Amino acid sequence: TYNTLRSVNSPEDTKAGRRRYCGVAPANSFFDLDTDENVRSYLGRDENGDRRKSTKVNVAIRETLAEHREDFQLLNAGIVIVAREAKVDDNSKPPKVTLHEPSIINGAQTQGVLVDFFSERQQDLNYPSVNFELIVTDDEELNGNISIARNYQNEVTNLSIYGRQGRFDELEAAIRKRDSSIQLKKRETDF
């Protein structure tokens, strides 16, 4: 099921015979999707289903659910799904899209934390909204390339995170009282 689903085809998508959608759906809509075409699966559990030590990303997702659930769709990048076919039914209540051979190719950590979080709180049915992108194509090579590309990213350093949070502002102001030419580096890309 979904709350919102919009077609976002580019001319290149149309020419290649693929479709793309962006949408928002309740978190439980993603609980049963496979991640077999993702470059990696959920890191919070091992192959036997036993819990592993949480990663920083998984801890952050869990904290967002616990402390800022109402902002989850803004604080989480969401989920990217590929499917061979999609049938949209806007007339059902709630509206739904039926997927043939779907796989999450980016967002396995989000899905895994959501499943664990709500499994531990079975009475809690206040599922947050989750942003998603759905790519409909049967091009296996493209699906692999999308999975790789969507999971490859540069780590943001603590310097940049703390700088964005304003943790150095007071220190910089105090230093600049002595020497106004001094400027603290607050992002890894500052020179």
Protein backbone atom coordinates (compact mmCIF):
# COMPACT_ATOMS: atom_id res chain seq x y z
CA THR A 1 0.00 0.00 0.00
CA TYR A 2 1.06 3.59 -0.46
CA ASN A 3 -0.01 7.11 0.45
CA THR A 4 1.36 8.84 -2.66
CA LEU A 5 2.74 7.49 -5.93
CA ARG A 6 3.81 9.60 -8.89
CA SER A 7 5.32 8.67 -12.23
CA VAL A 8 8.66 10.41 -12.76
CA ASN A 9 9.77 9.01 -16.11
CA SER A 10 12.52 10.82 -17.95
CA PRO A 11 12.65 10.79 -21.76
CA GLU A 12 15.49 8.26 -21.42
CA ASP A 13 13.31 6.00 -19.26
CA THR A 14 10.46 6.14 -21.76
CA LYS A 15 12.76 5.42 -24.71
CA ALA A 16 14.28 2.42 -22.86
CA GLY A 17 10.84 1.03 -21.94
CA ARG A 18 11.28 1.38 -18.20
CA ARG A 19 9.14 3.22 -15.66
CA ARG A 20 10.04 5.11 -12.52
CA TYR A 21 7.84 6.18 -9.65
CA CYS A 22 8.43 8.15 -6.47
CA GLY A 23 6.17 7.83 -3.52
CA VAL A 24 5.48 7.74 0.18
CA ALA A 25 4.17 4.64 1.95
CA PRO A 26 3.65 3.41 5.51
CA ALA A 27 6.74 1.62 6.84
CA ASN A 28 5.01 -1.75 7.08
CA SER A 29 4.55 -1.76 3.28
CA PHE A 30 8.25 -2.65 2.99
CA PHE A 31 8.52 -5.32 5.70
CA ASP A 32 8.18 -8.35 3.40
CA LEU A 33 10.22 -7.20 0.40
CA ASP A 34 13.35 -9.15 -0.55
CA THR A 35 16.81 -7.60 -0.69
CA ASP A 36 18.33 -10.30 -2.90
CA GLU A 37 19.42 -7.86 -5.62
CA ASN A 38 21.00 -5.43 -3.17
CA VAL A 39 24.80 -5.31 -2.87
CA ARG A 40 24.30 -6.21 0.80
CA SER A 41 21.49 -7.21 3.08
CA TYR A 42 20.60 -5.96 6.54
CA LEU A 43 23.73 -5.73 8.69
CA GLY A 44 21.84 -5.91 12.00
CA ARG A 45 21.38 -9.69 11.81
CA ASP A 46 23.59 -12.56 10.66
CA GLU A 47 22.62 -15.32 8.23
CA ASN A 48 20.94 -17.24 11.10
CA GLY A 49 18.80 -14.26 12.08
CA ASP A 50 20.78 -13.57 15.26
CA ARG A 51 21.42 -9.95 16.20
CA ARG A 52 24.78 -8.42 15.40
CA LYS A 53 26.32 -5.30 16.86
CA SER A 54 24.50 -2.30 15.35
CA THR A 55 26.22 -0.02 12.89
CA LYS A 56 26.23 3.77 13.35
CA VAL A 57 23.68 4.06 10.56
CA ASN A 58 21.35 1.51 12.14
CA VAL A 59 21.64 3.18 15.55
CA ALA A 60 20.75 6.53 13.95
CA ILE A 61 17.71 5.05 12.17
CA ARG A 62 16.52 3.46 15.43
CA GLU A 63 16.99 6.76 17.31
CA THR A 64 14.97 8.59 14.67
CA LEU A 65 12.14 6.06 15.07
CA ALA A 66 12.21 6.35 18.86
CA GLU A 67 12.69 10.11 19.19
CA HIS A 68 11.61 11.81 15.94
CA ARG A 69 9.18 9.42 14.26
CA GLU A 70 7.06 12.26 12.93
CA ASP A 71 10.07 13.45 10.90
CA PHE A 72 11.23 10.00 9.75
CA GLN A 73 10.48 10.62 6.06
CA LEU A 74 12.59 13.79 6.20
CA LEU A 75 15.51 12.35 8.19
CA ASN A 76 15.80 9.07 6.28
CA ALA A 77 16.77 8.78 2.60
CA GLY A 78 14.15 6.09 2.03
CA ILE A 79 14.12 2.91 -0.01
CA VAL A 80 14.82 2.15 -3.67
CA ILE A 81 13.06 -0.87 -5.18
CA VAL A 82 13.44 -2.56 -8.55
CA ALA A 83 10.71 -4.75 -10.00
CA ARG A 84 10.11 -6.49 -13.33
CA GLU A 85 6.53 -5.27 -13.48
CA ALA A 86 4.22 -3.03 -11.45
CA LYS A 87 0.44 -2.78 -11.52
CA VAL A 88 -0.89 0.36 -9.86
CA ASP A 89 -4.39 0.27 -8.36
CA ASP A 90 -5.33 3.79 -7.27
CA ASN A 91 -8.95 2.73 -6.74
CA SER A 92 -8.37 0.19 -3.96
CA LYS A 93 -8.68 1.38 -0.37
CA PRO A 94 -5.89 1.95 0.55
CA PRO A 95 -4.28 2.33 -2.89
CA LYS A 96 -1.68 -0.30 -3.74
CA VAL A 97 0.87 -1.31 -6.30
CA THR A 98 1.44 -5.00 -7.02
CA LEU A 99 5.07 -5.80 -7.84
CA HIS A 100 6.48 -8.73 -9.79
CA GLU A 101 9.93 -9.89 -8.57
CA PRO A 102 10.62 -6.83 -6.38
CA SER A 103 13.85 -6.27 -4.49
CA ILE A 104 15.07 -3.45 -2.31
CA ILE A 105 18.36 -2.33 -3.85
CA ASN A 106 19.02 0.55 -1.50
CA GLY A 107 17.54 0.88 1.96
CA ALA A 108 18.09 -2.60 3.42
CA GLN A 109 19.30 -0.99 6.65
CA THR A 110 16.16 1.14 6.84
CA GLN A 111 13.95 -1.90 6.20
CA GLY A 112 15.84 -4.07 8.69
CA VAL A 113 15.71 -1.52 11.50
CA LEU A 114 12.01 -0.88 10.85
CA VAL A 115 11.23 -4.61 11.00
CA ASP A 116 13.28 -5.10 14.19
CA PHE A 117 11.88 -1.98 15.86
CA PHE A 118 8.24 -2.87 15.27
CA SER A 119 8.76 -6.58 15.99
CA GLU A 120 9.95 -5.54 19.45
CA ARG A 121 6.87 -3.31 19.86
CA GLN A 122 4.04 -5.36 18.38
CA GLN A 123 1.36 -3.16 19.95
CA ASP A 124 2.85 -0.08 18.26
CA LEU A 125 1.13 0.31 14.90
CA ASN A 126 2.08 3.96 14.43
CA TYR A 127 4.20 3.28 11.34
CA PRO A 128 6.04 6.30 9.99
CA SER A 129 5.90 7.31 6.36
CA VAL A 130 8.85 6.20 4.23
CA ASN A 131 9.92 7.75 0.94
CA PHE A 132 10.56 5.33 -1.89
CA GLU A 133 11.58 5.15 -5.51
CA LEU A 134 10.34 2.28 -7.66
CA ILE A 135 12.19 1.41 -10.85
CA VAL A 136 10.38 -0.99 -13.17
CA THR A 137 12.67 -2.73 -15.64
CA ASP A 138 13.67 -6.25 -16.60
CA ASP A 139 17.23 -5.21 -17.51
CA GLU A 140 19.26 -7.39 -15.11
CA GLU A 141 22.56 -5.64 -15.82
CA LEU A 142 21.00 -2.22 -15.22
CA ASN A 143 19.45 -3.44 -11.96
CA GLY A 144 22.91 -4.53 -10.78
CA ASN A 145 24.46 -1.23 -11.80
CA ILE A 146 21.71 0.74 -10.03
CA SER A 147 22.25 -1.28 -6.86
CA ILE A 148 25.97 -0.60 -6.91
CA ALA A 149 25.60 3.10 -7.74
CA ARG A 150 22.90 3.75 -5.14
CA ASN A 151 24.94 2.11 -2.38
CA TYR A 152 28.24 3.80 -3.15
CA GLN A 153 28.81 6.97 -1.19
CA ASN A 154 31.47 8.98 0.59
CA GLU A 155 31.39 8.90 4.35
CA VAL A 156 30.74 12.28 5.93
CA THR A 157 33.37 13.07 8.54
CA ASN A 158 32.53 14.04 12.10
CA LEU A 159 34.08 17.46 11.45
CA SER A 160 31.41 18.20 8.83
CA ILE A 161 28.61 16.81 10.98
CA TYR A 162 29.66 18.74 14.08
CA GLY A 163 30.23 21.87 12.01
CA ARG A 164 26.71 21.65 10.57
CA GLN A 165 25.34 21.21 14.09
CA GLY A 166 27.04 24.49 15.09
CA ARG A 167 29.28 22.90 17.71
CA PHE A 168 32.25 25.07 16.71
CA ASP A 169 30.43 28.41 16.44
CA GLU A 170 30.98 29.52 20.04
CA LEU A 171 34.65 28.51 19.92
CA GLU A 172 35.18 30.36 16.64
CA ALA A 173 33.49 33.51 18.00
CA ALA A 174 35.75 33.45 21.09
CA ILE A 175 38.90 33.02 18.99
CA ARG A 176 37.85 35.74 16.54
CA LYS A 177 37.58 38.24 19.41
CA ARG A 178 41.38 37.97 19.66
CA ASP A 179 42.09 37.69 15.93
CA SER A 180 39.26 38.43 13.48
CA SER A 181 41.19 36.85 10.61
CA ILE A 182 40.96 33.35 12.10
CA GLN A 183 38.30 31.12 10.65
CA LEU A 184 37.81 27.57 11.89
CA LYS A 185 37.50 24.73 9.44
CA LYS A 186 33.97 23.40 10.02
CA ARG A 187 33.61 21.05 7.05
CA GLU A 188 36.00 18.58 5.50
CA THR A 189 35.75 20.57 2.25
CA ASP A 190 36.73 23.91 3.82
CA PHE A 191 40.16 25.19 2.84
